[in-house]
Amino acid sequence: MKIDRLIFLCLGVGAALVSGCSSLGVKPWQRDVLAREEMRLDANPLDAAIDDHMYFSKEASSGGRSFAGGGCGCN
């Protein structure tokens, strides 16, 4: 009796977990919204280039703007 309930509970939880990810993904009619220019990580390339130049000038290293620390050893 107890084992039957445990098996039923495990099957129910497993089915819930498997079906929980069934609706992930981008639908074809949503792709136009996500492909807009404003949705890019660097929506303004000129600002990104200026930021890269500032980080390079301050830290004496290029790239890796999203990580803390740099060439100066201050972090």
N, C-alpha and C. Protein backbone atom coordinates (compact mmCIF):
# COMPACT_ATOMS: atom_id res chain seq x y z
N MET A 1 0.82 -1.20 0.00
CA MET A 1 0.00 0.00 0.00
C MET A 1 0.86 1.26 0.00
N LYS A 2 1.85 1.32 0.91
CA LYS A 2 2.71 2.49 0.98
C LYS A 2 3.60 2.60 -0.25
N ILE A 3 4.07 1.49 -0.75
CA ILE A 3 4.94 1.50 -1.92
C ILE A 3 4.16 1.96 -3.15
N ASP A 4 2.90 1.56 -3.26
CA ASP A 4 2.07 1.99 -4.37
C ASP A 4 1.90 3.52 -4.37
N ARG A 5 1.70 4.07 -3.20
CA ARG A 5 1.57 5.53 -3.11
C ARG A 5 2.88 6.22 -3.47
N LEU A 6 3.98 5.65 -3.03
CA LEU A 6 5.29 6.23 -3.33
C LEU A 6 5.57 6.19 -4.83
N ILE A 7 5.26 5.08 -5.47
CA ILE A 7 5.45 4.95 -6.91
C ILE A 7 4.55 5.94 -7.65
N PHE A 8 3.30 6.04 -7.22
CA PHE A 8 2.36 6.98 -7.85
C PHE A 8 2.83 8.42 -7.67
N LEU A 9 3.35 8.74 -6.50
CA LEU A 9 3.85 10.08 -6.24
C LEU A 9 5.08 10.38 -7.11
N CYS A 10 5.99 9.41 -7.22
CA CYS A 10 7.18 9.59 -8.06
C CYS A 10 6.80 9.77 -9.52
N LEU A 11 5.85 8.99 -10.00
CA LEU A 11 5.41 9.13 -11.38
C LEU A 11 4.73 10.48 -11.61
N GLY A 12 3.93 10.93 -10.65
CA GLY A 12 3.28 12.23 -10.78
C GLY A 12 4.27 13.38 -10.79
N VAL A 13 5.26 13.33 -9.89
CA VAL A 13 6.28 14.37 -9.85
C VAL A 13 7.12 14.34 -11.12
N GLY A 14 7.47 13.16 -11.59
CA GLY A 14 8.24 13.03 -12.82
C GLY A 14 7.49 13.58 -14.02
N ALA A 15 6.20 13.29 -14.11
CA ALA A 15 5.40 13.80 -15.22
C ALA A 15 5.29 15.32 -15.17
N ALA A 16 5.17 15.87 -13.96
CA ALA A 16 5.10 17.33 -13.82
C ALA A 16 6.42 17.97 -14.24
N LEU A 17 7.54 17.36 -13.88
CA LEU A 17 8.83 17.92 -14.24
C LEU A 17 9.09 17.84 -15.74
N VAL A 18 8.70 16.74 -16.35
CA VAL A 18 8.91 16.57 -17.78
C VAL A 18 8.03 17.53 -18.58
N SER A 19 6.80 17.72 -18.16
CA SER A 19 5.90 18.59 -18.91
C SER A 19 6.13 20.06 -18.62
N GLY A 20 6.89 20.39 -17.59
CA GLY A 20 7.14 21.78 -17.25
C GLY A 20 7.99 22.50 -18.28
N CYS A 21 8.81 21.80 -19.01
CA CYS A 21 9.70 22.42 -20.00
C CYS A 21 9.16 22.30 -21.42
N SER A 22 7.95 21.88 -21.57
CA SER A 22 7.43 21.64 -22.91
C SER A 22 7.11 22.93 -23.66
N SER A 23 6.94 24.04 -22.95
CA SER A 23 6.56 25.28 -23.63
C SER A 23 7.72 26.26 -23.76
N LEU A 24 8.94 25.82 -23.54
CA LEU A 24 10.09 26.70 -23.68
C LEU A 24 10.40 26.91 -25.15
N GLY A 25 11.01 28.02 -25.45
CA GLY A 25 11.39 28.31 -26.82
C GLY A 25 10.65 29.53 -27.35
N VAL A 26 11.14 30.03 -28.44
CA VAL A 26 10.58 31.21 -29.05
C VAL A 26 9.65 30.80 -30.18
N LYS A 27 8.46 31.33 -30.15
CA LYS A 27 7.50 31.04 -31.21
C LYS A 27 7.84 31.88 -32.45
N PRO A 28 7.46 31.42 -33.63
CA PRO A 28 7.79 32.16 -34.85
C PRO A 28 7.26 33.59 -34.85
N TRP A 29 6.11 33.84 -34.25
CA TRP A 29 5.56 35.20 -34.26
C TRP A 29 6.22 36.08 -33.19
N GLN A 30 7.05 35.51 -32.32
CA GLN A 30 7.77 36.30 -31.32
C GLN A 30 9.17 36.69 -31.79
N ARG A 31 9.64 36.09 -32.83
CA ARG A 31 11.01 36.35 -33.29
C ARG A 31 11.20 37.76 -33.80
N ASP A 32 10.17 38.37 -34.38
CA ASP A 32 10.34 39.74 -34.86
C ASP A 32 10.56 40.71 -33.71
N VAL A 33 9.93 40.46 -32.57
CA VAL A 33 10.13 41.34 -31.42
C VAL A 33 11.55 41.19 -30.87
N LEU A 34 12.03 39.96 -30.82
CA LEU A 34 13.37 39.71 -30.27
C LEU A 34 14.48 40.12 -31.23
N ALA A 35 14.17 40.28 -32.51
CA ALA A 35 15.18 40.64 -33.49
C ALA A 35 15.30 42.15 -33.69
N ARG A 36 14.55 42.92 -32.91
CA ARG A 36 14.63 44.37 -33.05
C ARG A 36 16.01 44.88 -32.65
N GLU A 37 16.36 46.02 -33.14
CA GLU A 37 17.67 46.63 -32.87
C GLU A 37 17.83 46.95 -31.38
N GLU A 38 16.74 47.31 -30.71
CA GLU A 38 16.81 47.67 -29.30
C GLU A 38 17.07 46.47 -28.39
N MET A 39 16.85 45.27 -28.88
CA MET A 39 16.99 44.08 -28.06
C MET A 39 18.42 43.54 -28.05
N ARG A 40 19.31 44.15 -28.80
CA ARG A 40 20.71 43.70 -28.80
C ARG A 40 21.37 44.02 -27.47
N LEU A 41 22.40 43.28 -27.10
CA LEU A 41 23.10 43.55 -25.85
C LEU A 41 23.80 44.89 -25.90
N ASP A 42 24.32 45.25 -27.05
CA ASP A 42 24.91 46.57 -27.21
C ASP A 42 24.10 47.31 -28.28
N ALA A 43 23.00 47.91 -27.86
CA ALA A 43 22.07 48.53 -28.79
C ALA A 43 22.71 49.69 -29.54
N ASN A 44 23.66 50.35 -28.92
CA ASN A 44 24.34 51.46 -29.56
C ASN A 44 25.82 51.12 -29.71
N PRO A 45 26.27 50.72 -30.90
CA PRO A 45 27.66 50.29 -31.08
C PRO A 45 28.67 51.39 -30.80
N LEU A 46 28.30 52.64 -31.02
CA LEU A 46 29.23 53.73 -30.75
C LEU A 46 29.49 53.86 -29.25
N ASP A 47 28.44 53.75 -28.44
CA ASP A 47 28.63 53.78 -26.99
C ASP A 47 29.48 52.61 -26.51
N ALA A 48 29.27 51.44 -27.10
CA ALA A 48 30.06 50.27 -26.72
C ALA A 48 31.53 50.47 -27.08
N ALA A 49 31.80 51.08 -28.22
CA ALA A 49 33.19 51.34 -28.63
C ALA A 49 33.84 52.35 -27.70
N ILE A 50 33.10 53.38 -27.31
CA ILE A 50 33.64 54.38 -26.37
C ILE A 50 33.91 53.74 -25.01
N ASP A 51 32.99 52.90 -24.54
CA ASP A 51 33.19 52.20 -23.27
C ASP A 51 34.42 51.30 -23.33
N ASP A 52 34.57 50.57 -24.44
CA ASP A 52 35.75 49.72 -24.61
C ASP A 52 37.03 50.55 -24.54
N HIS A 53 37.03 51.70 -25.17
CA HIS A 53 38.22 52.56 -25.15
C HIS A 53 38.51 53.06 -23.73
N MET A 54 37.46 53.41 -22.98
CA MET A 54 37.68 53.88 -21.61
C MET A 54 38.24 52.77 -20.73
N TYR A 55 37.66 51.57 -20.85
CA TYR A 55 38.16 50.46 -20.04
C TYR A 55 39.61 50.12 -20.42
N PHE A 56 39.91 50.15 -21.70
CA PHE A 56 41.27 49.86 -22.14
C PHE A 56 42.24 50.91 -21.61
N SER A 57 41.82 52.17 -21.65
CA SER A 57 42.69 53.25 -21.19
C SER A 57 42.92 53.19 -19.69
N LYS A 58 41.89 52.85 -18.93
CA LYS A 58 42.01 52.81 -17.46
C LYS A 58 42.74 51.56 -16.98
N GLU A 59 42.36 50.43 -17.51
CA GLU A 59 42.83 49.15 -16.97
C GLU A 59 44.01 48.57 -17.73
N ALA A 60 44.39 49.13 -18.84
CA ALA A 60 45.48 48.62 -19.68
C ALA A 60 45.21 47.18 -20.12
N SER A 61 43.95 46.87 -20.34
CA SER A 61 43.57 45.56 -20.85
C SER A 61 42.37 45.74 -21.75
N SER A 62 42.21 44.87 -22.70
CA SER A 62 41.07 44.98 -23.61
C SER A 62 40.16 43.78 -23.46
N GLY A 63 38.89 44.01 -23.69
CA GLY A 63 37.90 42.94 -23.59
C GLY A 63 37.50 42.67 -22.15
N GLY A 64 36.50 41.84 -21.97
CA GLY A 64 36.08 41.44 -20.63
C GLY A 64 35.45 42.55 -19.82
N ARG A 65 34.64 43.38 -20.45
CA ARG A 65 34.02 44.48 -19.72
C ARG A 65 33.06 44.00 -18.65
N SER A 66 32.49 42.83 -18.79
CA SER A 66 31.46 42.40 -17.86
C SER A 66 32.02 41.74 -16.60
N PHE A 67 33.32 41.60 -16.49
CA PHE A 67 33.90 40.97 -15.31
C PHE A 67 34.55 42.00 -14.43
N ALA A 68 34.52 41.77 -13.13
CA ALA A 68 35.17 42.69 -12.19
C ALA A 68 36.68 42.51 -12.24
N GLY A 69 37.36 43.56 -11.94
CA GLY A 69 38.82 43.49 -11.89
C GLY A 69 39.43 43.82 -13.23
N GLY A 70 40.71 43.98 -13.23
CA GLY A 70 41.38 44.32 -14.46
C GLY A 70 42.88 44.26 -14.26
N GLY A 71 43.59 45.09 -15.00
CA GLY A 71 45.04 45.07 -14.96
C GLY A 71 45.65 45.78 -13.78
N CYS A 72 44.89 46.58 -13.05
CA CYS A 72 45.48 47.40 -12.00
C CYS A 72 45.60 46.66 -10.67
N GLY A 73 44.87 45.58 -10.48
CA GLY A 73 44.92 44.82 -9.23
C GLY A 73 44.12 45.44 -8.11
N CYS A 74 43.22 46.34 -8.41
CA CYS A 74 42.46 47.02 -7.36
C CYS A 74 41.26 46.22 -6.85
N ASN A 75 40.86 45.18 -7.56
CA ASN A 75 39.73 44.38 -7.09
C ASN A 75 40.25 43.07 -6.60
